[in-house]
PDB file of N, CA and C in Angstrom:
ATOM      1  N   MET A   1       4.679   2.224  13.560  1.00  0.00           N
ATOM      2  CA  MET A   1       4.286   1.014  14.228  1.00  0.00           C
ATOM      3  C   MET A   1       5.572   0.251  14.535  1.00  0.00           C
ATOM      4  N   LYS A   2       5.664  -0.214  15.767  1.00  0.00           N
ATOM      5  CA  LYS A   2       6.881  -0.909  16.196  1.00  0.00           C
ATOM      6  C   LYS A   2       6.518  -2.244  16.839  1.00  0.00           C
ATOM      7  N   PHE A   3       7.217  -3.292  16.434  1.00  0.00           N
ATOM      8  CA  PHE A   3       7.035  -4.630  16.971  1.00  0.00           C
ATOM      9  C   PHE A   3       8.303  -5.021  17.724  1.00  0.00           C
ATOM     10  N   THR A   4       8.122  -5.438  18.972  1.00  0.00           N
ATOM     11  CA  THR A   4       9.256  -5.849  19.801  1.00  0.00           C
ATOM     12  C   THR A   4       9.018  -7.266  20.303  1.00  0.00           C
ATOM     13  N   ASP A   5       9.951  -8.159  19.997  1.00  0.00           N
ATOM     14  CA  ASP A   5       9.846  -9.571  20.394  1.00  0.00           C
ATOM     15  C   ASP A   5       8.469 -10.148  20.056  1.00  0.00           C
ATOM     16  N   TYR A   6       7.935  -9.747  18.918  1.00  0.00           N
ATOM     17  CA  TYR A   6       6.597 -10.149  18.463  1.00  0.00           C
ATOM     18  C   TYR A   6       6.646 -11.564  17.887  1.00  0.00           C
ATOM     19  N   SER A   7       5.744 -12.408  18.351  1.00  0.00           N
ATOM     20  CA  SER A   7       5.601 -13.760  17.806  1.00  0.00           C
ATOM     21  C   SER A   7       4.121 -14.044  17.591  1.00  0.00           C
ATOM     22  N   LEU A   8       3.821 -14.767  16.527  1.00  0.00           N
ATOM     23  CA  LEU A   8       2.446 -15.105  16.182  1.00  0.00           C
ATOM     24  C   LEU A   8       2.382 -16.589  15.857  1.00  0.00           C
ATOM     25  N   LYS A   9       1.471 -17.261  16.542  1.00  0.00           N
ATOM     26  CA  LYS A   9       1.319 -18.704  16.374  1.00  0.00           C
ATOM     27  C   LYS A   9      -0.159 -19.004  16.193  1.00  0.00           C
ATOM     28  N   MET A  10      -0.492 -19.842  15.238  1.00  0.00           N
ATOM     29  CA  MET A  10      -1.864 -20.277  15.015  1.00  0.00           C
ATOM     30  C   MET A  10      -1.879 -21.790  15.132  1.00  0.00           C
ATOM     31  N   GLY A  11      -2.511 -22.275  16.192  1.00  0.00           N
ATOM     32  CA  GLY A  11      -2.469 -23.708  16.455  1.00  0.00           C
ATOM     33  C   GLY A  11      -1.042 -24.107  16.752  1.00  0.00           C
ATOM     34  N   ASP A  12      -0.540 -25.103  16.030  1.00  0.00           N
ATOM     35  CA  ASP A  12       0.844 -25.552  16.212  1.00  0.00           C
ATOM     36  C   ASP A  12       1.800 -24.869  15.227  1.00  0.00           C
ATOM     37  N   LYS A  13       1.273 -24.033  14.354  1.00  0.00           N
ATOM     38  CA  LYS A  13       2.090 -23.420  13.308  1.00  0.00           C
ATOM     39  C   LYS A  13       2.615 -22.052  13.762  1.00  0.00           C
ATOM     40  N   VAL A  14       3.926 -21.900  13.772  1.00  0.00           N
ATOM     41  CA  VAL A  14       4.550 -20.624  14.099  1.00  0.00           C
ATOM     42  C   VAL A  14       4.613 -19.798  12.817  1.00  0.00           C
ATOM     43  N   LEU A  15       3.932 -18.647  12.818  1.00  0.00           N
ATOM     44  CA  LEU A  15       3.919 -17.789  11.638  1.00  0.00           C
ATOM     45  C   LEU A  15       5.042 -16.758  11.679  1.00  0.00           C
ATOM     46  N   ILE A  16       5.255 -16.179  12.858  1.00  0.00           N
ATOM     47  CA  ILE A  16       6.306 -15.170  13.045  1.00  0.00           C
ATOM     48  C   ILE A  16       6.932 -15.431  14.413  1.00  0.00           C
ATOM     49  N   GLU A  17       8.253 -15.355  14.483  1.00  0.00           N
ATOM     50  CA  GLU A  17       8.908 -15.614  15.765  1.00  0.00           C
ATOM     51  C   GLU A  17       9.940 -14.531  16.072  1.00  0.00           C
ATOM     52  N   ASN A  18       9.771 -13.889  17.223  1.00  0.00           N
ATOM     53  CA  ASN A  18      10.701 -12.887  17.746  1.00  0.00           C
ATOM     54  C   ASN A  18      11.036 -11.775  16.748  1.00  0.00           C
ATOM     55  N   LEU A  19      10.010 -11.200  16.159  1.00  0.00           N
ATOM     56  CA  LEU A  19      10.181 -10.113  15.203  1.00  0.00           C
ATOM     57  C   LEU A  19      10.453  -8.803  15.938  1.00  0.00           C
ATOM     58  N   ASN A  20      11.454  -8.080  15.490  1.00  0.00           N
ATOM     59  CA  ASN A  20      11.760  -6.744  15.989  1.00  0.00           C
ATOM     60  C   ASN A  20      11.893  -5.844  14.770  1.00  0.00           C
ATOM     61  N   ILE A  21      10.886  -5.002  14.548  1.00  0.00           N
ATOM     62  CA  ILE A  21      10.878  -4.155  13.356  1.00  0.00           C
ATOM     63  C   ILE A  21      10.046  -2.908  13.624  1.00  0.00           C
ATOM     64  N   SER A  22      10.405  -1.828  12.946  1.00  0.00           N
ATOM     65  CA  SER A  22       9.623  -0.588  13.006  1.00  0.00           C
ATOM     66  C   SER A  22       9.215  -0.216  11.594  1.00  0.00           C
ATOM     67  N   PHE A  23       7.964   0.196  11.441  1.00  0.00           N
ATOM     68  CA  PHE A  23       7.484   0.699  10.165  1.00  0.00           C
ATOM     69  C   PHE A  23       7.479   2.219  10.237  1.00  0.00           C
ATOM     70  N   ASN A  24       7.846   2.860   9.159  1.00  0.00           N
ATOM     71  CA  ASN A  24       7.885   4.323   9.127  1.00  0.00           C
ATOM     72  C   ASN A  24       6.499   4.922   9.232  1.00  0.00           C
ATOM     73  N   GLN A  25       6.408   6.050   9.902  1.00  0.00           N
ATOM     74  CA  GLN A  25       5.142   6.771  10.002  1.00  0.00           C
ATOM     75  C   GLN A  25       4.922   7.595   8.735  1.00  0.00           C
ATOM     76  N   ASN A  26       3.654   7.850   8.449  1.00  0.00           N
ATOM     77  CA  ASN A  26       3.234   8.706   7.334  1.00  0.00           C
ATOM     78  C   ASN A  26       3.641   8.175   5.965  1.00  0.00           C
ATOM     79  N   VAL A  27       3.830   6.867   5.868  1.00  0.00           N
ATOM     80  CA  VAL A  27       4.066   6.231   4.572  1.00  0.00           C
ATOM     81  C   VAL A  27       3.219   4.972   4.514  1.00  0.00           C
ATOM     82  N   ILE A  28       2.999   4.471   3.325  1.00  0.00           N
ATOM     83  CA  ILE A  28       2.246   3.237   3.151  1.00  0.00           C
ATOM     84  C   ILE A  28       3.231   2.075   3.139  1.00  0.00           C
ATOM     85  N   ASN A  29       2.978   1.104   3.994  1.00  0.00           N
ATOM     86  CA  ASN A  29       3.799  -0.101   4.059  1.00  0.00           C
ATOM     87  C   ASN A  29       2.969  -1.268   3.550  1.00  0.00           C
ATOM     88  N   HIS A  30       3.585  -2.145   2.762  1.00  0.00           N
ATOM     89  CA  HIS A  30       2.883  -3.293   2.193  1.00  0.00           C
ATOM     90  C   HIS A  30       3.421  -4.593   2.769  1.00  0.00           C
ATOM     91  N   LEU A  31       2.529  -5.536   2.960  1.00  0.00           N
ATOM     92  CA  LEU A  31       2.914  -6.901   3.304  1.00  0.00           C
ATOM     93  C   LEU A  31       2.487  -7.784   2.154  1.00  0.00           C
ATOM     94  N   LEU A  32       3.419  -8.489   1.601  1.00  0.00           N
ATOM     95  CA  LEU A  32       3.123  -9.377   0.485  1.00  0.00           C
ATOM     96  C   LEU A  32       3.456 -10.797   0.881  1.00  0.00           C
ATOM     97  N   GLY A  33       2.709 -11.740   0.353  1.00  0.00           N
ATOM     98  CA  GLY A  33       2.991 -13.143   0.630  1.00  0.00           C
ATOM     99  C   GLY A  33       1.972 -14.031  -0.036  1.00  0.00           C
ATOM    100  N   SER A  34       2.324 -15.275  -0.165  1.00  0.00           N
ATOM    101  CA  SER A  34       1.433 -16.264  -0.776  1.00  0.00           C
ATOM    102  C   SER A  34       0.217 -16.496   0.102  1.00  0.00           C
ATOM    103  N   ASN A  35      -0.804 -17.094  -0.495  1.00  0.00           N
ATOM    104  CA  ASN A  35      -1.996 -17.464   0.264  1.00  0.00           C
ATOM    105  C   ASN A  35      -1.614 -18.409   1.395  1.00  0.00           C
ATOM    106  N   GLY A  36      -2.203 -18.176   2.559  1.00  0.00           N
ATOM    107  CA  GLY A  36      -2.022 -19.084   3.675  1.00  0.00           C
ATOM    108  C   GLY A  36      -0.789 -18.885   4.524  1.00  0.00           C
ATOM    109  N   VAL A  37      -0.001 -17.825   4.279  1.00  0.00           N
ATOM    110  CA  VAL A  37       1.212 -17.632   5.072  1.00  0.00           C
ATOM    111  C   VAL A  37       0.964 -16.857   6.362  1.00  0.00           C
ATOM    112  N   GLY A  38      -0.242 -16.258   6.504  1.00  0.00           N
ATOM    113  CA  GLY A  38      -0.565 -15.597   7.764  1.00  0.00           C
ATOM    114  C   GLY A  38      -0.757 -14.099   7.709  1.00  0.00           C
ATOM    115  N   LYS A  39      -0.915 -13.533   6.510  1.00  0.00           N
ATOM    116  CA  LYS A  39      -1.096 -12.071   6.406  1.00  0.00           C
ATOM    117  C   LYS A  39      -2.357 -11.605   7.131  1.00  0.00           C
ATOM    118  N   SER A  40      -3.457 -12.313   6.970  1.00  0.00           N
ATOM    119  CA  SER A  40      -4.711 -11.926   7.643  1.00  0.00           C
ATOM    120  C   SER A  40      -4.593 -12.118   9.153  1.00  0.00           C
ATOM    121  N   CYS A  41      -3.951 -13.187   9.577  1.00  0.00           N
ATOM    122  CA  CYS A  41      -3.759 -13.411  11.023  1.00  0.00           C
ATOM    123  C   CYS A  41      -2.906 -12.298  11.609  1.00  0.00           C
ATOM    124  N   PHE A  42      -1.881 -11.897  10.881  1.00  0.00           N
ATOM    125  CA  PHE A  42      -1.025 -10.794  11.322  1.00  0.00           C
ATOM    126  C   PHE A  42      -1.844  -9.513  11.455  1.00  0.00           C
ATOM    127  N   ALA A  43      -2.657  -9.210  10.435  1.00  0.00           N
ATOM    128  CA  ALA A  43      -3.488  -8.004  10.472  1.00  0.00           C
ATOM    129  C   ALA A  43      -4.452  -8.046  11.653  1.00  0.00           C
ATOM    130  N   LYS A  44      -5.048  -9.199  11.886  1.00  0.00           N
ATOM    131  CA  LYS A  44      -5.976  -9.346  13.008  1.00  0.00           C
ATOM    132  C   LYS A  44      -5.265  -9.150  14.344  1.00  0.00           C
ATOM    133  N   SER A  45      -4.030  -9.606  14.445  1.00  0.00           N
ATOM    134  CA  SER A  45      -3.299  -9.423  15.700  1.00  0.00           C
ATOM    135  C   SER A  45      -3.005  -7.944  15.945  1.00  0.00           C
ATOM    136  N   CYS A  46      -2.794  -7.191  14.874  1.00  0.00           N
ATOM    137  CA  CYS A  46      -2.499  -5.760  15.007  1.00  0.00           C
ATOM    138  C   CYS A  46      -3.675  -4.979  15.585  1.00  0.00           C
ATOM    139  N   ILE A  47      -4.868  -5.489  15.417  1.00  0.00           N
ATOM    140  CA  ILE A  47      -6.047  -4.796  15.955  1.00  0.00           C
ATOM    141  C   ILE A  47      -6.663  -5.555  17.122  1.00  0.00           C
ATOM    142  N   GLY A  48      -5.917  -6.517  17.655  1.00  0.00           N
ATOM    143  CA  GLY A  48      -6.333  -7.199  18.877  1.00  0.00           C
ATOM    144  C   GLY A  48      -7.336  -8.321  18.721  1.00  0.00           C
ATOM    145  N   MET A  49      -7.510  -8.833  17.516  1.00  0.00           N
ATOM    146  CA  MET A  49      -8.475  -9.913  17.304  1.00  0.00           C
ATOM    147  C   MET A  49      -7.845 -11.296  17.416  1.00  0.00           C
ATOM    148  N   VAL A  50      -6.531 -11.366  17.334  1.00  0.00           N
ATOM    149  CA  VAL A  50      -5.809 -12.627  17.439  1.00  0.00           C
ATOM    150  C   VAL A  50      -4.700 -12.432  18.469  1.00  0.00           C
ATOM    151  N   LYS A  51      -4.535 -13.419  19.334  1.00  0.00           N
ATOM    152  CA  LYS A  51      -3.510 -13.334  20.379  1.00  0.00           C
ATOM    153  C   LYS A  51      -2.116 -13.475  19.787  1.00  0.00           C
ATOM    154  N   TYR A  52      -1.182 -12.753  20.364  1.00  0.00           N
ATOM    155  CA  TYR A  52       0.218 -12.785  19.968  1.00  0.00           C
ATOM    156  C   TYR A  52       1.052 -12.594  21.231  1.00  0.00           C
ATOM    157  N   SER A  53       2.340 -12.794  21.126  1.00  0.00           N
ATOM    158  CA  SER A  53       3.211 -12.471  22.247  1.00  0.00           C
ATOM    159  C   SER A  53       4.161 -11.366  21.800  1.00  0.00           C
ATOM    160  N   GLY A  54       4.703 -10.652  22.755  1.00  0.00           N
ATOM    161  CA  GLY A  54       5.564  -9.521  22.451  1.00  0.00           C
ATOM    162  C   GLY A  54       4.809  -8.224  22.607  1.00  0.00           C
ATOM    163  N   LYS A  55       5.303  -7.202  21.966  1.00  0.00           N
ATOM    164  CA  LYS A  55       4.733  -5.866  22.131  1.00  0.00           C
ATOM    165  C   LYS A  55       4.532  -5.195  20.769  1.00  0.00           C
ATOM    166  N   ILE A  56       3.352  -4.555  20.614  1.00  0.00           N
ATOM    167  CA  ILE A  56       3.066  -3.750  19.429  1.00  0.00           C
ATOM    168  C   ILE A  56       2.797  -2.337  19.906  1.00  0.00           C
ATOM    169  N   GLU A  57       3.542  -1.377  19.379  1.00  0.00           N
ATOM    170  CA  GLU A  57       3.303   0.034  19.666  1.00  0.00           C
ATOM    171  C   GLU A  57       2.789   0.658  18.373  1.00  0.00           C
ATOM    172  N   ALA A  58       1.616   1.306  18.461  1.00  0.00           N
ATOM    173  CA  ALA A  58       1.013   1.850  17.249  1.00  0.00           C
ATOM    174  C   ALA A  58       0.227   3.113  17.555  1.00  0.00           C
ATOM    175  N   ASP A  59       0.123   3.970  16.547  1.00  0.00           N
ATOM    176  CA  ASP A  59      -0.733   5.147  16.630  1.00  0.00           C
ATOM    177  C   ASP A  59      -2.169   4.715  16.403  1.00  0.00           C
ATOM    178  N   ASP A  60      -3.110   5.615  16.646  1.00  0.00           N
ATOM    179  CA  ASP A  60      -4.524   5.315  16.465  1.00  0.00           C
ATOM    180  C   ASP A  60      -4.977   5.391  15.016  1.00  0.00           C
ATOM    181  N   ASP A  61      -4.146   5.885  14.120  1.00  0.00           N
ATOM    182  CA  ASP A  61      -4.595   6.119  12.741  1.00  0.00           C
ATOM    183  C   ASP A  61      -4.102   5.061  11.754  1.00  0.00           C
ATOM    184  N   ILE A  62      -3.994   3.825  12.209  1.00  0.00           N
ATOM    185  CA  ILE A  62      -3.547   2.729  11.349  1.00  0.00           C
ATOM    186  C   ILE A  62      -4.708   2.231  10.502  1.00  0.00           C
ATOM    187  N   VAL A  63      -4.428   1.962   9.241  1.00  0.00           N
ATOM    188  CA  VAL A  63      -5.430   1.413   8.340  1.00  0.00           C
ATOM    189  C   VAL A  63      -4.891   0.095   7.800  1.00  0.00           C
ATOM    190  N   LEU A  64      -5.701  -0.946   7.874  1.00  0.00           N
ATOM    191  CA  LEU A  64      -5.334  -2.243   7.331  1.00  0.00           C
ATOM    192  C   LEU A  64      -6.222  -2.535   6.132  1.00  0.00           C
ATOM    193  N   LEU A  65      -5.608  -2.928   5.040  1.00  0.00           N
ATOM    194  CA  LEU A  65      -6.362  -3.243   3.834  1.00  0.00           C
ATOM    195  C   LEU A  65      -6.144  -4.698   3.463  1.00  0.00           C
ATOM    196  N   GLY A  66      -7.228  -5.353   3.034  1.00  0.00           N
ATOM    197  CA  GLY A  66      -7.131  -6.737   2.606  1.00  0.00           C
ATOM    198  C   GLY A  66      -7.012  -6.834   1.101  1.00  0.00           C
ATOM    199  N   SER A  67      -7.172  -8.017   0.584  1.00  0.00           N
ATOM    200  CA  SER A  67      -6.993  -8.323  -0.830  1.00  0.00           C
ATOM    201  C   SER A  67      -7.729  -7.365  -1.765  1.00  0.00           C
ATOM    202  N   ASP A  68      -8.955  -7.688  -2.120  1.00  0.00           N
ATOM    203  CA  ASP A  68      -9.722  -6.872  -3.048  1.00  0.00           C
ATOM    204  C   ASP A  68     -10.721  -5.995  -2.329  1.00  0.00           C
ATOM    205  N   SER A  69     -10.601  -5.909  -1.038  1.00  0.00           N
ATOM    206  CA  SER A  69     -11.556  -5.197  -0.216  1.00  0.00           C
ATOM    207  C   SER A  69     -10.790  -4.401   0.816  1.00  0.00           C
ATOM    208  N   ASN A  70     -11.473  -3.513   1.487  1.00  0.00           N
ATOM    209  CA  ASN A  70     -10.843  -2.781   2.578  1.00  0.00           C
ATOM    210  C   ASN A  70     -10.867  -3.590   3.866  1.00  0.00           C
ATOM    211  N   VAL A  71     -11.475  -4.751   3.839  1.00  0.00           N
ATOM    212  CA  VAL A  71     -11.589  -5.601   5.017  1.00  0.00           C
ATOM    213  C   VAL A  71     -11.172  -7.016   4.621  1.00  0.00           C
ATOM    214  N   PRO A  72     -10.302  -7.669   5.418  1.00  0.00           N
ATOM    215  CA  PRO A  72      -9.941  -9.056   5.082  1.00  0.00           C
ATOM    216  C   PRO A  72     -11.179  -9.936   4.896  1.00  0.00           C
ATOM    217  N   LEU A  73     -11.123 -10.820   3.925  1.00  0.00           N
ATOM    218  CA  LEU A  73     -12.286 -11.606   3.513  1.00  0.00           C
ATOM    219  C   LEU A  73     -12.842 -12.534   4.579  1.00  0.00           C
ATOM    220  N   ASP A  74     -12.030 -12.916   5.552  1.00  0.00           N
ATOM    221  CA  ASP A  74     -12.538 -13.841   6.557  1.00  0.00           C
ATOM    222  C   ASP A  74     -13.096 -13.123   7.789  1.00  0.00           C
ATOM    223  N   PHE A  75     -13.235 -11.806   7.726  1.00  0.00           N
ATOM    224  CA  PHE A  75     -13.888 -11.063   8.802  1.00  0.00           C
ATOM    225  C   PHE A  75     -15.394 -11.257   8.679  1.00  0.00           C
ATOM    226  N   SER A  76     -16.034 -11.453   9.812  1.00  0.00           N
ATOM    227  CA  SER A  76     -17.491 -11.556   9.829  1.00  0.00           C
ATOM    228  C   SER A  76     -18.079 -10.199  10.193  1.00  0.00           C
ATOM    229  N   LEU A  77     -19.377 -10.080  10.055  1.00  0.00           N
ATOM    230  CA  LEU A  77     -20.066  -8.855  10.452  1.00  0.00           C
ATOM    231  C   LEU A  77     -19.809  -8.578  11.934  1.00  0.00           C
ATOM    232  N   LYS A  78     -19.841  -9.624  12.731  1.00  0.00           N
ATOM    233  CA  LYS A  78     -19.583  -9.490  14.174  1.00  0.00           C
ATOM    234  C   LYS A  78     -18.184  -8.914  14.426  1.00  0.00           C
ATOM    235  N   ASP A  79     -17.177  -9.388  13.665  1.00  0.00           N
ATOM    236  CA  ASP A  79     -15.807  -8.878  13.800  1.00  0.00           C
ATOM    237  C   ASP A  79     -15.738  -7.388  13.465  1.00  0.00           C
ATOM    238  N   ILE A  80     -16.407  -7.015  12.386  1.00  0.00           N
ATOM    239  CA  ILE A  80     -16.379  -5.620  11.942  1.00  0.00           C
ATOM    240  C   ILE A  80     -17.044  -4.714  12.976  1.00  0.00           C
ATOM    241  N   VAL A  81     -18.167  -5.147  13.521  1.00  0.00           N
ATOM    242  CA  VAL A  81     -18.862  -4.362  14.552  1.00  0.00           C
ATOM    243  C   VAL A  81     -17.966  -4.201  15.779  1.00  0.00           C
ATOM    244  N   LYS A  82     -17.277  -5.267  16.155  1.00  0.00           N
ATOM    245  CA  LYS A  82     -16.373  -5.220  17.315  1.00  0.00           C
ATOM    246  C   LYS A  82     -15.257  -4.191  17.085  1.00  0.00           C
ATOM    247  N   ILE A  83     -14.682  -4.193  15.903  1.00  0.00           N
ATOM    248  CA  ILE A  83     -13.622  -3.239  15.577  1.00  0.00           C
ATOM    249  C   ILE A  83     -14.163  -1.810  15.624  1.00  0.00           C
ATOM    250  N   LEU A  84     -15.331  -1.600  15.029  1.00  0.00           N
ATOM    251  CA  LEU A  84     -15.921  -0.264  15.023  1.00  0.00           C
ATOM    252  C   LEU A  84     -16.209   0.236  16.430  1.00  0.00           C
ATOM    253  N   LYS A  85     -16.645  -0.671  17.309  1.00  0.00           N
ATOM    254  CA  LYS A  85     -16.966  -0.262  18.686  1.00  0.00           C
ATOM    255  C   LYS A  85     -15.713   0.065  19.497  1.00  0.00           C
ATOM    256  N   ASN A  86     -14.542  -0.386  19.026  1.00  0.00           N
ATOM    257  CA  ASN A  86     -13.287   0.018  19.665  1.00  0.00           C
ATOM    258  C   ASN A  86     -12.927   1.459  19.315  1.00  0.00           C
ATOM    259  N   LYS A  87     -13.404   1.933  18.188  1.00  0.00           N
ATOM    260  CA  LYS A  87     -13.042   3.264  17.689  1.00  0.00           C
ATOM    261  C   LYS A  87     -14.154   4.291  17.903  1.00  0.00           C
ATOM    262  N   PHE A  88     -15.416   3.843  17.826  1.00  0.00           N
ATOM    263  CA  PHE A  88     -16.560   4.741  17.913  1.00  0.00           C
ATOM    264  C   PHE A  88     -17.461   4.337  19.076  1.00  0.00           C
ATOM    265  N   SER A  89     -18.356   5.218  19.447  1.00  0.00           N
ATOM    266  CA  SER A  89     -19.287   4.909  20.540  1.00  0.00           C
ATOM    267  C   SER A  89     -20.280   3.837  20.090  1.00  0.00           C
ATOM    268  N   ASP A  90     -20.823   3.107  21.063  1.00  0.00           N
ATOM    269  CA  ASP A  90     -21.838   2.100  20.750  1.00  0.00           C
ATOM    270  C   ASP A  90     -23.004   2.726  20.010  1.00  0.00           C
ATOM    271  N   LYS A  91     -23.380   3.928  20.424  1.00  0.00           N
ATOM    272  CA  LYS A  91     -24.510   4.622  19.792  1.00  0.00           C
ATOM    273  C   LYS A  91     -24.222   4.889  18.313  1.00  0.00           C
ATOM    274  N   GLN A  92     -23.008   5.354  18.003  1.00  0.00           N
ATOM    275  CA  GLN A  92     -22.659   5.631  16.604  1.00  0.00           C
ATOM    276  C   GLN A  92     -22.686   4.355  15.767  1.00  0.00           C
ATOM    277  N   VAL A  93     -22.149   3.275  16.315  1.00  0.00           N
ATOM    278  CA  VAL A  93     -22.110   2.003  15.588  1.00  0.00           C
ATOM    279  C   VAL A  93     -23.534   1.470  15.398  1.00  0.00           C
ATOM    280  N   ASP A  94     -24.345   1.578  16.439  1.00  0.00           N
ATOM    281  CA  ASP A  94     -25.736   1.110  16.340  1.00  0.00           C
ATOM    282  C   ASP A  94     -26.513   1.897  15.291  1.00  0.00           C
ATOM    283  N   GLU A  95     -26.278   3.211  15.213  1.00  0.00           N
ATOM    284  CA  GLU A  95     -26.951   4.036  14.206  1.00  0.00           C
ATOM    285  C   GLU A  95     -26.528   3.628  12.798  1.00  0.00           C
ATOM    286  N   LEU A  96     -25.242   3.366  12.611  1.00  0.00           N
ATOM    287  CA  LEU A  96     -24.744   2.918  11.317  1.00  0.00           C
ATOM    288  C   LEU A  96     -25.342   1.559  10.957  1.00  0.00           C
ATOM    289  N   TYR A  97     -25.402   0.680  11.942  1.00  0.00           N
ATOM    290  CA  TYR A  97     -25.970  -0.656  11.780  1.00  0.00           C
ATOM    291  C   TYR A  97     -27.411  -0.572  11.274  1.00  0.00           C
ATOM    292  N   GLU A  98     -28.201   0.328  11.886  1.00  0.00           N
ATOM    293  CA  GLU A  98     -29.593   0.534  11.468  1.00  0.00           C
ATOM    294  C   GLU A  98     -29.666   1.163  10.081  1.00  0.00           C
ATOM    295  N   LEU A  99     -28.821   2.160   9.842  1.00  0.00           N
ATOM    296  CA  LEU A  99     -28.807   2.858   8.552  1.00  0.00           C
ATOM    297  C   LEU A  99     -28.534   1.890   7.403  1.00  0.00           C
ATOM    298  N   LEU A 100     -27.617   0.949   7.626  1.00  0.00           N
ATOM    299  CA  LEU A 100     -27.259  -0.022   6.594  1.00  0.00           C
ATOM    300  C   LEU A 100     -28.167  -1.249   6.569  1.00  0.00           C
ATOM    301  N   LYS A 101     -29.169  -1.257   7.468  1.00  0.00           N
ATOM    302  CA  LYS A 101     -30.148  -2.342   7.541  1.00  0.00           C
ATOM    303  C   LYS A 101     -29.472  -3.708   7.701  1.00  0.00           C
ATOM    304  N   LEU A 102     -28.602  -3.795   8.699  1.00  0.00           N
ATOM    305  CA  LEU A 102     -27.841  -5.015   8.924  1.00  0.00           C
ATOM    306  C   LEU A 102     -28.454  -5.956   9.951  1.00  0.00           C
ATOM    307  N   LYS A 103     -29.614  -5.590  10.517  1.00  0.00           N
ATOM    308  CA  LYS A 103     -30.185  -6.409  11.588  1.00  0.00           C
ATOM    309  C   LYS A 103     -30.580  -7.817  11.126  1.00  0.00           C
ATOM    310  N   ASN A 104     -30.865  -7.995   9.839  1.00  0.00           N
ATOM    311  CA  ASN A 104     -31.248  -9.318   9.337  1.00  0.00           C
ATOM    312  C   ASN A 104     -30.070 -10.102   8.747  1.00  0.00           C
ATOM    313  N   VAL A 105     -28.871  -9.520   8.804  1.00  0.00           N
ATOM    314  CA  VAL A 105     -27.684 -10.194   8.283  1.00  0.00           C
ATOM    315  C   VAL A 105     -27.084 -11.039   9.404  1.00  0.00           C
ATOM    316  N   PRO A 106     -26.825 -12.322   9.163  1.00  0.00           N
ATOM    317  CA  PRO A 106     -26.244 -13.176  10.201  1.00  0.00           C
ATOM    318  C   PRO A 106     -24.909 -12.623  10.698  1.00  0.00           C
ATOM    319  N   GLN A 107     -24.735 -12.579  12.018  1.00  0.00           N
ATOM    320  CA  GLN A 107     -23.528 -12.030  12.642  1.00  0.00           C
ATOM    321  C   GLN A 107     -22.261 -12.778  12.241  1.00  0.00           C
ATOM    322  N   LYS A 108     -22.380 -14.067  11.940  1.00  0.00           N
ATOM    323  CA  LYS A 108     -21.186 -14.866  11.598  1.00  0.00           C
ATOM    324  C   LYS A 108     -20.912 -14.900  10.101  1.00  0.00           C
ATOM    325  N   LEU A 109     -21.722 -14.185   9.326  1.00  0.00           N
ATOM    326  CA  LEU A 109     -21.518 -14.154   7.877  1.00  0.00           C
ATOM    327  C   LEU A 109     -20.198 -13.468   7.559  1.00  0.00           C
ATOM    328  N   CYS A 110     -19.345 -14.164   6.794  1.00  0.00           N
ATOM    329  CA  CYS A 110     -18.059 -13.595   6.404  1.00  0.00           C
ATOM    330  C   CYS A 110     -18.189 -12.884   5.062  1.00  0.00           C
ATOM    331  N   ILE A 111     -17.284 -11.971   4.836  1.00  0.00           N
ATOM    332  CA  ILE A 111     -17.264 -11.238   3.579  1.00  0.00           C
ATOM    333  C   ILE A 111     -16.909 -12.163   2.430  1.00  0.00           C
ATOM    334  N   LYS A 112     -16.076 -13.156   2.696  1.00  0.00           N
ATOM    335  CA  LYS A 112     -15.616 -14.098   1.677  1.00  0.00           C
ATOM    336  C   LYS A 112     -16.785 -14.817   1.013  1.00  0.00           C
ATOM    337  N   LYS A 113     -16.732 -14.894  -0.308  1.00  0.00           N
ATOM    338  CA  LYS A 113     -17.739 -15.652  -1.047  1.00  0.00           C
ATOM    339  C   LYS A 113     -17.427 -17.130  -0.946  1.00  0.00           C
ATOM    340  N   ASN A 114     -18.438 -17.919  -0.686  1.00  0.00           N
ATOM    341  CA  ASN A 114     -18.263 -19.376  -0.722  1.00  0.00           C
ATOM    342  C   ASN A 114     -18.617 -19.866  -2.105  1.00  0.00           C
ATOM    343  N   GLU A 115     -17.687 -20.520  -2.755  1.00  0.00           N
ATOM    344  CA  GLU A 115     -17.943 -20.988  -4.123  1.00  0.00           C
ATOM    345  C   GLU A 115     -18.047 -22.479  -4.169  1.00  0.00           C
TER     346      GLU A 115
END
């Protein structure tokens, strides 16, 4: 995965500015940081869910992992379905949706627990 002149901004806050970096293929790369520094926003930008500037070059076999889950906690069911439909056919995603009985789950429900 290669980032060229990559910048990420959320509202008025600049999270990353003019990043130029390449990650090695066929190895696991980790991003570490305190809560609220933008790790989830960065991950979302890598899969096209958050706007960024610059260029990202990536293979199709990228896997993003969140905190205690395989999916960042602030992803909603709608977000997950959108990601799946980028990789699989609508028919395959719809069949999975039915199999998991997700039709009664609110589309905006996030994985994160509200305490």
